[in-house]
PDB file of N, CA and C in Angstrom:
ATOM      1  N   MET A   1    -121.935   3.687-151.935  1.00  0.00           N
ATOM      2  CA  MET A   1    -120.572   3.131-151.866  1.00  0.00           C
ATOM      3  C   MET A   1    -119.752   3.990-150.813  1.00  0.00           C
ATOM      4  N   LEU A   2    -120.027   5.221-150.689  1.00  0.00           N
ATOM      5  CA  LEU A   2    -119.339   6.043-149.766  1.00  0.00           C
ATOM      6  C   LEU A   2    -119.567   5.571-148.274  1.00  0.00           C
ATOM      7  N   LYS A   3    -120.756   5.166-147.985  1.00  0.00           N
ATOM      8  CA  LYS A   3    -121.155   4.774-146.704  1.00  0.00           C
ATOM      9  C   LYS A   3    -120.444   3.445-146.195  1.00  0.00           C
ATOM     10  N   THR A   4    -120.033   2.680-147.123  1.00  0.00           N
ATOM     11  CA  THR A   4    -119.366   1.374-146.719  1.00  0.00           C
ATOM     12  C   THR A   4    -117.859   1.785-146.368  1.00  0.00           C
ATOM     13  N   LYS A   5    -117.403   2.829-146.834  1.00  0.00           N
ATOM     14  CA  LYS A   5    -115.936   3.136-146.574  1.00  0.00           C
ATOM     15  C   LYS A   5    -115.961   3.892-145.147  1.00  0.00           C
ATOM     16  N   ILE A   6    -117.016   4.625-144.839  1.00  0.00           N
ATOM     17  CA  ILE A   6    -116.995   5.391-143.649  1.00  0.00           C
ATOM     18  C   ILE A   6    -117.368   4.565-142.350  1.00  0.00           C
ATOM     19  N   LEU A   7    -118.248   3.546-142.556  1.00  0.00           N
ATOM     20  CA  LEU A   7    -118.731   2.825-141.466  1.00  0.00           C
ATOM     21  C   LEU A   7    -117.560   2.049-140.735  1.00  0.00           C
ATOM     22  N   PRO A   8    -116.497   1.495-141.334  1.00  0.00           N
ATOM     23  CA  PRO A   8    -115.505   0.806-140.539  1.00  0.00           C
ATOM     24  C   PRO A   8    -114.725   1.737-139.549  1.00  0.00           C
ATOM     25  N   ILE A   9    -114.644   2.955-139.860  1.00  0.00           N
ATOM     26  CA  ILE A   9    -113.847   3.848-139.034  1.00  0.00           C
ATOM     27  C   ILE A   9    -114.524   4.070-137.686  1.00  0.00           C
ATOM     28  N   PRO A  10    -115.904   4.361-137.636  1.00  0.00           N
ATOM     29  CA  PRO A  10    -116.513   4.447-136.316  1.00  0.00           C
ATOM     30  C   PRO A  10    -116.562   3.106-135.612  1.00  0.00           C
ATOM     31  N   LEU A  11    -116.735   2.101-136.410  1.00  0.00           N
ATOM     32  CA  LEU A  11    -116.738   0.739-135.766  1.00  0.00           C
ATOM     33  C   LEU A  11    -115.450   0.395-135.140  1.00  0.00           C
ATOM     34  N   PHE A  12    -114.276   0.739-135.857  1.00  0.00           N
ATOM     35  CA  PHE A  12    -112.922   0.581-135.260  1.00  0.00           C
ATOM     36  C   PHE A  12    -112.743   1.451-134.018  1.00  0.00           C
ATOM     37  N   LEU A  13    -113.142   2.647-134.089  1.00  0.00           N
ATOM     38  CA  LEU A  13    -113.037   3.495-132.835  1.00  0.00           C
ATOM     39  C   LEU A  13    -113.838   3.021-131.651  1.00  0.00           C
ATOM     40  N   LEU A  14    -115.017   2.485-131.963  1.00  0.00           N
ATOM     41  CA  LEU A  14    -115.812   1.932-130.895  1.00  0.00           C
ATOM     42  C   LEU A  14    -115.202   0.676-130.267  1.00  0.00           C
ATOM     43  N   CYS A  15    -114.667  -0.195-131.104  1.00  0.00           N
ATOM     44  CA  CYS A  15    -113.933  -1.380-130.594  1.00  0.00           C
ATOM     45  C   CYS A  15    -112.652  -0.923-129.893  1.00  0.00           C
ATOM     46  N   PHE A  16    -111.948   0.008-130.340  1.00  0.00           N
ATOM     47  CA  PHE A  16    -110.706   0.405-129.692  1.00  0.00           C
ATOM     48  C   PHE A  16    -110.975   1.026-128.277  1.00  0.00           C
ATOM     49  N   PHE A  17    -111.999   1.864-128.119  1.00  0.00           N
ATOM     50  CA  PHE A  17    -112.304   2.525-126.819  1.00  0.00           C
ATOM     51  C   PHE A  17    -112.919   1.389-125.940  1.00  0.00           C
ATOM     52  N   CYS A  18    -113.679   0.597-126.413  1.00  0.00           N
ATOM     53  CA  CYS A  18    -114.303  -0.434-125.512  1.00  0.00           C
ATOM     54  C   CYS A  18    -113.325  -1.392-124.983  1.00  0.00           C
ATOM     55  N   SER A  19    -112.190  -1.623-125.723  1.00  0.00           N
ATOM     56  CA  SER A  19    -111.211  -2.609-125.283  1.00  0.00           C
ATOM     57  C   SER A  19    -110.065  -1.925-124.511  1.00  0.00           C
ATOM     58  N   SER A  20    -110.138  -0.573-124.320  1.00  0.00           N
ATOM     59  CA  SER A  20    -109.077   0.037-123.637  1.00  0.00           C
ATOM     60  C   SER A  20    -109.046  -0.258-122.114  1.00  0.00           C
ATOM     61  N   PRO A  21    -107.857  -0.126-121.499  1.00  0.00           N
ATOM     62  CA  PRO A  21    -107.745  -0.516-119.993  1.00  0.00           C
ATOM     63  C   PRO A  21    -108.733   0.463-119.166  1.00  0.00           C
ATOM     64  N   LEU A  22    -108.976   1.606-119.596  1.00  0.00           N
ATOM     65  CA  LEU A  22    -109.727   2.564-118.913  1.00  0.00           C
ATOM     66  C   LEU A  22    -111.219   1.940-118.797  1.00  0.00           C
ATOM     67  N   PHE A  23    -111.681   1.580-120.038  1.00  0.00           N
ATOM     68  CA  PHE A  23    -112.986   1.120-120.034  1.00  0.00           C
ATOM     69  C   PHE A  23    -113.106  -0.258-119.198  1.00  0.00           C
ATOM     70  N   ALA A  24    -112.094  -1.173-119.373  1.00  0.00           N
ATOM     71  CA  ALA A  24    -112.144  -2.415-118.599  1.00  0.00           C
ATOM     72  C   ALA A  24    -112.009  -2.130-117.137  1.00  0.00           C
ATOM     73  N   ALA A  25    -111.300  -1.136-116.626  1.00  0.00           N
ATOM     74  CA  ALA A  25    -111.231  -0.850-115.200  1.00  0.00           C
ATOM     75  C   ALA A  25    -112.582  -0.410-114.637  1.00  0.00           C
ATOM     76  N   GLN A  26    -113.319   0.310-115.497  1.00  0.00           N
ATOM     77  CA  GLN A  26    -114.688   0.807-114.981  1.00  0.00           C
ATOM     78  C   GLN A  26    -115.589  -0.367-114.823  1.00  0.00           C
ATOM     79  N   LYS A  27    -115.485  -1.428-115.697  1.00  0.00           N
ATOM     80  CA  LYS A  27    -116.426  -2.495-115.508  1.00  0.00           C
ATOM     81  C   LYS A  27    -116.054  -3.495-114.503  1.00  0.00           C
ATOM     82  N   THR A  28    -114.791  -3.566-113.996  1.00  0.00           N
ATOM     83  CA  THR A  28    -114.342  -4.431-112.998  1.00  0.00           C
ATOM     84  C   THR A  28    -115.032  -4.238-111.685  1.00  0.00           C
ATOM     85  N   LYS A  29    -115.653  -5.308-111.141  1.00  0.00           N
ATOM     86  CA  LYS A  29    -116.320  -5.224-109.883  1.00  0.00           C
ATOM     87  C   LYS A  29    -115.262  -5.144-108.787  1.00  0.00           C
ATOM     88  N   PRO A  30    -115.540  -4.436-107.641  1.00  0.00           N
ATOM     89  CA  PRO A  30    -114.547  -4.473-106.556  1.00  0.00           C
ATOM     90  C   PRO A  30    -114.513  -5.727-105.875  1.00  0.00           C
ATOM     91  N   LEU A  31    -113.352  -5.986-105.199  1.00  0.00           N
ATOM     92  CA  LEU A  31    -113.254  -7.190-104.405  1.00  0.00           C
ATOM     93  C   LEU A  31    -113.875  -6.973-103.008  1.00  0.00           C
ATOM     94  N   ILE A  32    -114.658  -7.856-102.586  1.00  0.00           N
ATOM     95  CA  ILE A  32    -115.276  -7.812-101.270  1.00  0.00           C
ATOM     96  C   ILE A  32    -114.331  -8.472-100.235  1.00  0.00           C
ATOM     97  N   LEU A  33    -113.903  -7.746 -99.224  1.00  0.00           N
ATOM     98  CA  LEU A  33    -113.091  -8.207 -98.151  1.00  0.00           C
ATOM     99  C   LEU A  33    -113.956  -8.446 -96.935  1.00  0.00           C
ATOM    100  N   GLY A  34    -114.177  -9.608 -96.568  1.00  0.00           N
ATOM    101  CA  GLY A  34    -115.029  -9.934 -95.345  1.00  0.00           C
ATOM    102  C   GLY A  34    -114.123  -9.989 -94.095  1.00  0.00           C
ATOM    103  N   VAL A  35    -114.513  -9.202 -93.114  1.00  0.00           N
ATOM    104  CA  VAL A  35    -113.664  -9.129 -91.756  1.00  0.00           C
ATOM    105  C   VAL A  35    -114.557  -9.665 -90.704  1.00  0.00           C
ATOM    106  N   PHE A  36    -113.888 -10.616 -90.077  1.00  0.00           N
ATOM    107  CA  PHE A  36    -114.474 -11.232 -88.919  1.00  0.00           C
ATOM    108  C   PHE A  36    -114.767 -10.193 -87.787  1.00  0.00           C
ATOM    109  N   PRO A  37    -116.039 -10.091 -87.300  1.00  0.00           N
ATOM    110  CA  PRO A  37    -116.498  -9.045 -86.428  1.00  0.00           C
ATOM    111  C   PRO A  37    -115.939  -9.220 -84.969  1.00  0.00           C
ATOM    112  N   TYR A  38    -114.680  -8.952 -84.886  1.00  0.00           N
ATOM    113  CA  TYR A  38    -113.997  -9.063 -83.511  1.00  0.00           C
ATOM    114  C   TYR A  38    -113.852  -7.665 -82.835  1.00  0.00           C
ATOM    115  N   ILE A  39    -113.962  -6.635 -83.591  1.00  0.00           N
ATOM    116  CA  ILE A  39    -113.838  -5.333 -82.923  1.00  0.00           C
ATOM    117  C   ILE A  39    -115.001  -4.420 -83.517  1.00  0.00           C
ATOM    118  N   SER A  40    -115.101  -3.213 -82.913  1.00  0.00           N
ATOM    119  CA  SER A  40    -116.127  -2.312 -83.453  1.00  0.00           C
ATOM    120  C   SER A  40    -115.827  -1.937 -84.861  1.00  0.00           C
ATOM    121  N   ALA A  41    -116.886  -1.312 -85.491  1.00  0.00           N
ATOM    122  CA  ALA A  41    -116.668  -0.805 -86.844  1.00  0.00           C
ATOM    123  C   ALA A  41    -115.591   0.347 -86.949  1.00  0.00           C
ATOM    124  N   ASN A  42    -115.651   1.170 -86.010  1.00  0.00           N
ATOM    125  CA  ASN A  42    -114.678   2.309 -85.992  1.00  0.00           C
ATOM    126  C   ASN A  42    -113.251   1.779 -85.933  1.00  0.00           C
ATOM    127  N   GLN A  43    -112.975   0.839 -85.038  1.00  0.00           N
ATOM    128  CA  GLN A  43    -111.674   0.320 -84.843  1.00  0.00           C
ATOM    129  C   GLN A  43    -111.267  -0.515 -86.003  1.00  0.00           C
ATOM    130  N   MET A  44    -112.145  -1.198 -86.679  1.00  0.00           N
ATOM    131  CA  MET A  44    -111.990  -1.909 -87.826  1.00  0.00           C
ATOM    132  C   MET A  44    -111.466  -1.073 -88.945  1.00  0.00           C
ATOM    133  N   ILE A  45    -112.215   0.081 -89.117  1.00  0.00           N
ATOM    134  CA  ILE A  45    -111.821   1.028 -90.272  1.00  0.00           C
ATOM    135  C   ILE A  45    -110.446   1.578 -89.926  1.00  0.00           C
ATOM    136  N   SER A  46    -110.159   2.047 -88.746  1.00  0.00           N
ATOM    137  CA  SER A  46    -108.872   2.753 -88.491  1.00  0.00           C
ATOM    138  C   SER A  46    -107.801   1.657 -88.506  1.00  0.00           C
ATOM    139  N   GLN A  47    -107.936   0.449 -88.119  1.00  0.00           N
ATOM    140  CA  GLN A  47    -106.896  -0.527 -88.136  1.00  0.00           C
ATOM    141  C   GLN A  47    -106.636  -1.115 -89.442  1.00  0.00           C
ATOM    142  N   LEU A  48    -107.783  -1.430 -90.292  1.00  0.00           N
ATOM    143  CA  LEU A  48    -107.561  -2.125 -91.556  1.00  0.00           C
ATOM    144  C   LEU A  48    -107.584  -1.281 -92.769  1.00  0.00           C
ATOM    145  N   SER A  49    -107.845   0.024 -92.650  1.00  0.00           N
ATOM    146  CA  SER A  49    -107.877   0.838 -93.823  1.00  0.00           C
ATOM    147  C   SER A  49    -106.433   1.005 -94.610  1.00  0.00           C
ATOM    148  N   PRO A  50    -105.354   0.937 -93.844  1.00  0.00           N
ATOM    149  CA  PRO A  50    -104.130   1.001 -94.486  1.00  0.00           C
ATOM    150  C   PRO A  50    -103.896  -0.345 -95.273  1.00  0.00           C
ATOM    151  N   LEU A  51    -104.372  -1.495 -94.738  1.00  0.00           N
ATOM    152  CA  LEU A  51    -104.254  -2.832 -95.463  1.00  0.00           C
ATOM    153  C   LEU A  51    -105.202  -2.677 -96.781  1.00  0.00           C
ATOM    154  N   VAL A  52    -106.257  -2.188 -96.695  1.00  0.00           N
ATOM    155  CA  VAL A  52    -107.214  -2.117 -97.854  1.00  0.00           C
ATOM    156  C   VAL A  52    -106.543  -1.220 -98.849  1.00  0.00           C
ATOM    157  N   SER A  53    -106.018  -0.146 -98.428  1.00  0.00           N
ATOM    158  CA  SER A  53    -105.401   0.847 -99.487  1.00  0.00           C
ATOM    159  C   SER A  53    -104.251   0.142-100.152  1.00  0.00           C
ATOM    160  N   ARG A  54    -103.455  -0.546 -99.438  1.00  0.00           N
ATOM    161  CA  ARG A  54    -102.248  -1.344 -99.936  1.00  0.00           C
ATOM    162  C   ARG A  54    -102.714  -2.318-100.966  1.00  0.00           C
ATOM    163  N   MET A  55    -103.786  -3.106-100.602  1.00  0.00           N
ATOM    164  CA  MET A  55    -104.364  -4.114-101.456  1.00  0.00           C
ATOM    165  C   MET A  55    -104.783  -3.474-102.853  1.00  0.00           C
ATOM    166  N   GLU A  56    -105.511  -2.358-102.743  1.00  0.00           N
ATOM    167  CA  GLU A  56    -105.991  -1.692-103.978  1.00  0.00           C
ATOM    168  C   GLU A  56    -104.893  -1.247-104.789  1.00  0.00           C
ATOM    169  N   GLU A  57    -103.764  -0.626-104.144  1.00  0.00           N
ATOM    170  CA  GLU A  57    -102.661  -0.331-104.887  1.00  0.00           C
ATOM    171  C   GLU A  57    -101.956  -1.398-105.508  1.00  0.00           C
ATOM    172  N   ALA A  58    -101.758  -2.563-104.840  1.00  0.00           N
ATOM    173  CA  ALA A  58    -101.218  -3.709-105.483  1.00  0.00           C
ATOM    174  C   ALA A  58    -101.916  -4.391-106.530  1.00  0.00           C
ATOM    175  N   LEU A  59    -103.280  -4.406-106.271  1.00  0.00           N
ATOM    176  CA  LEU A  59    -104.119  -5.179-107.230  1.00  0.00           C
ATOM    177  C   LEU A  59    -104.624  -4.269-108.309  1.00  0.00           C
ATOM    178  N   ASP A  60    -104.444  -2.994-108.206  1.00  0.00           N
ATOM    179  CA  ASP A  60    -105.031  -2.038-109.090  1.00  0.00           C
ATOM    180  C   ASP A  60    -106.582  -2.250-109.316  1.00  0.00           C
ATOM    181  N   ARG A  61    -107.130  -2.463-108.123  1.00  0.00           N
ATOM    182  CA  ARG A  61    -108.644  -2.732-108.244  1.00  0.00           C
ATOM    183  C   ARG A  61    -109.266  -2.284-106.881  1.00  0.00           C
ATOM    184  N   LYS A  62    -110.488  -1.846-106.989  1.00  0.00           N
ATOM    185  CA  LYS A  62    -111.124  -1.361-105.653  1.00  0.00           C
ATOM    186  C   LYS A  62    -111.418  -2.495-104.726  1.00  0.00           C
ATOM    187  N   VAL A  63    -111.168  -2.324-103.459  1.00  0.00           N
ATOM    188  CA  VAL A  63    -111.463  -3.345-102.431  1.00  0.00           C
ATOM    189  C   VAL A  63    -112.386  -2.740-101.418  1.00  0.00           C
ATOM    190  N   VAL A  64    -113.446  -3.373-101.148  1.00  0.00           N
ATOM    191  CA  VAL A  64    -114.463  -2.938-100.212  1.00  0.00           C
ATOM    192  C   VAL A  64    -114.441  -3.797 -99.023  1.00  0.00           C
ATOM    193  N   MET A  65    -114.276  -3.281 -97.851  1.00  0.00           N
ATOM    194  CA  MET A  65    -114.274  -3.963 -96.547  1.00  0.00           C
ATOM    195  C   MET A  65    -115.663  -4.106 -95.901  1.00  0.00           C
ATOM    196  N   ILE A  66    -116.062  -5.279 -95.712  1.00  0.00           N
ATOM    197  CA  ILE A  66    -117.399  -5.479 -95.101  1.00  0.00           C
ATOM    198  C   ILE A  66    -117.298  -6.503 -94.003  1.00  0.00           C
ATOM    199  N   SER A  67    -118.144  -6.337 -92.958  1.00  0.00           N
ATOM    200  CA  SER A  67    -118.244  -7.308 -91.882  1.00  0.00           C
ATOM    201  C   SER A  67    -119.719  -7.791 -91.750  1.00  0.00           C
ATOM    202  N   ALA A  68    -119.977  -8.280 -90.625  1.00  0.00           N
ATOM    203  CA  ALA A  68    -121.371  -8.810 -90.307  1.00  0.00           C
ATOM    204  C   ALA A  68    -121.618  -8.305 -88.911  1.00  0.00           C
ATOM    205  N   PRO A  69    -122.960  -8.267 -88.494  1.00  0.00           N
ATOM    206  CA  PRO A  69    -123.308  -7.847 -87.213  1.00  0.00           C
ATOM    207  C   PRO A  69    -122.883  -8.828 -86.034  1.00  0.00           C
ATOM    208  N   ASP A  70    -122.810 -10.126 -86.471  1.00  0.00           N
ATOM    209  CA  ASP A  70    -122.389 -11.079 -85.369  1.00  0.00           C
ATOM    210  C   ASP A  70    -121.705 -12.212 -85.959  1.00  0.00           C
ATOM    211  N   PHE A  71    -121.163 -13.086 -85.134  1.00  0.00           N
ATOM    212  CA  PHE A  71    -120.467 -14.269 -85.594  1.00  0.00           C
ATOM    213  C   PHE A  71    -121.227 -15.157 -86.474  1.00  0.00           C
ATOM    214  N   MET A  72    -122.419 -15.582 -86.110  1.00  0.00           N
ATOM    215  CA  MET A  72    -123.300 -16.489 -86.946  1.00  0.00           C
ATOM    216  C   MET A  72    -123.502 -15.898 -88.332  1.00  0.00           C
ATOM    217  N   GLU A  73    -123.840 -14.640 -88.344  1.00  0.00           N
ATOM    218  CA  GLU A  73    -124.203 -14.008 -89.681  1.00  0.00           C
ATOM    219  C   GLU A  73    -122.930 -14.050 -90.537  1.00  0.00           C
ATOM    220  N   TYR A  74    -121.763 -13.617 -89.935  1.00  0.00           N
ATOM    221  CA  TYR A  74    -120.520 -13.738 -90.645  1.00  0.00           C
ATOM    222  C   TYR A  74    -120.273 -15.115 -91.275  1.00  0.00           C
ATOM    223  N   MET A  75    -120.405 -16.138 -90.449  1.00  0.00           N
ATOM    224  CA  MET A  75    -120.198 -17.526 -90.967  1.00  0.00           C
ATOM    225  C   MET A  75    -121.149 -17.802 -92.104  1.00  0.00           C
ATOM    226  N   LYS A  76    -122.406 -17.471 -91.927  1.00  0.00           N
ATOM    227  CA  LYS A  76    -123.423 -17.692 -93.011  1.00  0.00           C
ATOM    228  C   LYS A  76    -122.880 -17.071 -94.340  1.00  0.00           C
ATOM    229  N   ARG A  77    -122.439 -15.748 -94.241  1.00  0.00           N
ATOM    230  CA  ARG A  77    -121.993 -15.112 -95.429  1.00  0.00           C
ATOM    231  C   ARG A  77    -120.696 -15.719 -95.960  1.00  0.00           C
ATOM    232  N   VAL A  78    -119.903 -16.185 -95.209  1.00  0.00           N
ATOM    233  CA  VAL A  78    -118.636 -16.870 -95.670  1.00  0.00           C
ATOM    234  C   VAL A  78    -118.901 -18.147 -96.331  1.00  0.00           C
ATOM    235  N   THR A  79    -119.858 -19.022 -95.719  1.00  0.00           N
ATOM    236  CA  THR A  79    -120.166 -20.238 -96.387  1.00  0.00           C
ATOM    237  C   THR A  79    -121.071 -20.033 -97.768  1.00  0.00           C
ATOM    238  N   LYS A  80    -121.773 -18.945 -97.803  1.00  0.00           N
ATOM    239  CA  LYS A  80    -122.526 -18.619 -98.999  1.00  0.00           C
ATOM    240  C   LYS A  80    -121.534 -18.100-100.131  1.00  0.00           C
ATOM    241  N   GLY A  81    -120.419 -17.697 -99.704  1.00  0.00           N
ATOM    242  CA  GLY A  81    -119.450 -17.071-100.719  1.00  0.00           C
ATOM    243  C   GLY A  81    -119.799 -15.660-101.031  1.00  0.00           C
ATOM    244  N   ASP A  82    -120.238 -14.877-100.019  1.00  0.00           N
ATOM    245  CA  ASP A  82    -120.530 -13.558-100.187  1.00  0.00           C
ATOM    246  C   ASP A  82    -119.220 -12.657-100.265  1.00  0.00           C
ATOM    247  N   TYR A  83    -118.174 -13.119 -99.733  1.00  0.00           N
ATOM    248  CA  TYR A  83    -116.893 -12.428 -99.713  1.00  0.00           C
ATOM    249  C   TYR A  83    -115.815 -13.041-100.801  1.00  0.00           C
ATOM    250  N   ASP A  84    -115.085 -12.169-101.349  1.00  0.00           N
ATOM    251  CA  ASP A  84    -113.971 -12.619-102.236  1.00  0.00           C
ATOM    252  C   ASP A  84    -112.813 -13.101-101.362  1.00  0.00           C
ATOM    253  N   LEU A  85    -112.537 -12.317-100.298  1.00  0.00           N
ATOM    254  CA  LEU A  85    -111.460 -12.521 -99.490  1.00  0.00           C
ATOM    255  C   LEU A  85    -111.919 -12.489 -98.050  1.00  0.00           C
ATOM    256  N   VAL A  86    -111.289 -13.086 -97.132  1.00  0.00           N
ATOM    257  CA  VAL A  86    -111.720 -13.012 -95.648  1.00  0.00           C
ATOM    258  C   VAL A  86    -110.600 -12.797 -94.801  1.00  0.00           C
ATOM    259  N   ILE A  87    -110.753 -12.082 -93.822  1.00  0.00           N
ATOM    260  CA  ILE A  87    -109.806 -11.987 -92.656  1.00  0.00           C
ATOM    261  C   ILE A  87    -110.528 -12.591 -91.470  1.00  0.00           C
ATOM    262  N   THR A  88    -109.832 -13.650 -90.985  1.00  0.00           N
ATOM    263  CA  THR A  88    -110.539 -14.513 -89.942  1.00  0.00           C
ATOM    264  C   THR A  88    -109.446 -15.262 -89.215  1.00  0.00           C
ATOM    265  N   ALA A  89    -109.778 -15.863 -88.086  1.00  0.00           N
ATOM    266  CA  ALA A  89    -109.033 -16.726 -87.306  1.00  0.00           C
ATOM    267  C   ALA A  89    -108.659 -18.086 -88.044  1.00  0.00           C
ATOM    268  N   PRO A  90    -107.472 -18.628 -88.028  1.00  0.00           N
ATOM    269  CA  PRO A  90    -107.154 -19.870 -88.808  1.00  0.00           C
ATOM    270  C   PRO A  90    -108.180 -20.933 -88.656  1.00  0.00           C
ATOM    271  N   HIS A  91    -108.590 -21.109 -87.378  1.00  0.00           N
ATOM    272  CA  HIS A  91    -109.609 -22.200 -87.231  1.00  0.00           C
ATOM    273  C   HIS A  91    -110.921 -21.963 -87.808  1.00  0.00           C
ATOM    274  N   MET A  92    -111.287 -20.706 -87.875  1.00  0.00           N
ATOM    275  CA  MET A  92    -112.559 -20.279 -88.535  1.00  0.00           C
ATOM    276  C   MET A  92    -112.431 -20.539 -90.040  1.00  0.00           C
ATOM    277  N   GLY A  93    -111.295 -20.224 -90.457  1.00  0.00           N
ATOM    278  CA  GLY A  93    -111.057 -20.383 -91.944  1.00  0.00           C
ATOM    279  C   GLY A  93    -111.253 -21.825 -92.425  1.00  0.00           C
ATOM    280  N   ARG A  94    -110.660 -22.779 -91.560  1.00  0.00           N
ATOM    281  CA  ARG A  94    -110.686 -24.194 -91.767  1.00  0.00           C
ATOM    282  C   ARG A  94    -112.165 -24.672 -91.706  1.00  0.00           C
ATOM    283  N   LEU A  95    -112.887 -24.173 -90.717  1.00  0.00           N
ATOM    284  CA  LEU A  95    -114.239 -24.495 -90.516  1.00  0.00           C
ATOM    285  C   LEU A  95    -115.116 -24.001 -91.770  1.00  0.00           C
ATOM    286  N   SER A  96    -114.882 -22.857 -92.290  1.00  0.00           N
ATOM    287  CA  SER A  96    -115.483 -22.303 -93.458  1.00  0.00           C
ATOM    288  C   SER A  96    -115.092 -23.178 -94.765  1.00  0.00           C
ATOM    289  N   GLN A  97    -113.896 -23.671 -94.782  1.00  0.00           N
ATOM    290  CA  GLN A  97    -113.448 -24.392 -95.853  1.00  0.00           C
ATOM    291  C   GLN A  97    -114.110 -25.739 -95.882  1.00  0.00           C
ATOM    292  N   LYS A  98    -114.440 -26.311 -94.701  1.00  0.00           N
ATOM    293  CA  LYS A  98    -115.024 -27.622 -94.698  1.00  0.00           C
ATOM    294  C   LYS A  98    -116.623 -27.549 -95.006  1.00  0.00           C
ATOM    295  N   ARG A  99    -117.128 -26.443 -94.674  1.00  0.00           N
ATOM    296  CA  ARG A  99    -118.635 -26.202 -94.875  1.00  0.00           C
ATOM    297  C   ARG A  99    -118.761 -25.823 -96.434  1.00  0.00           C
TER     298      ARG A  99
END
């Protein structure tokens, strides 16, 4: 009889900690930001890092910036849905939307 009274307390604590925002934040996958490969990787990092930092701050979520080695590979990745968000030229965005 004593065991049945003690069991709900650890079960309650387990449910409480698993539903806490800290636990939920750890399980959230980062957003993948796909960047059109129009400049070198070093320039991309220096120019877009402030944007990525601001996005992380506003969304309270990790944002990972990724590009592709060339235009065709970038378009393949966009049409496959590899990126959650993209930075691209307007006409390329529309082309991706149609595909």
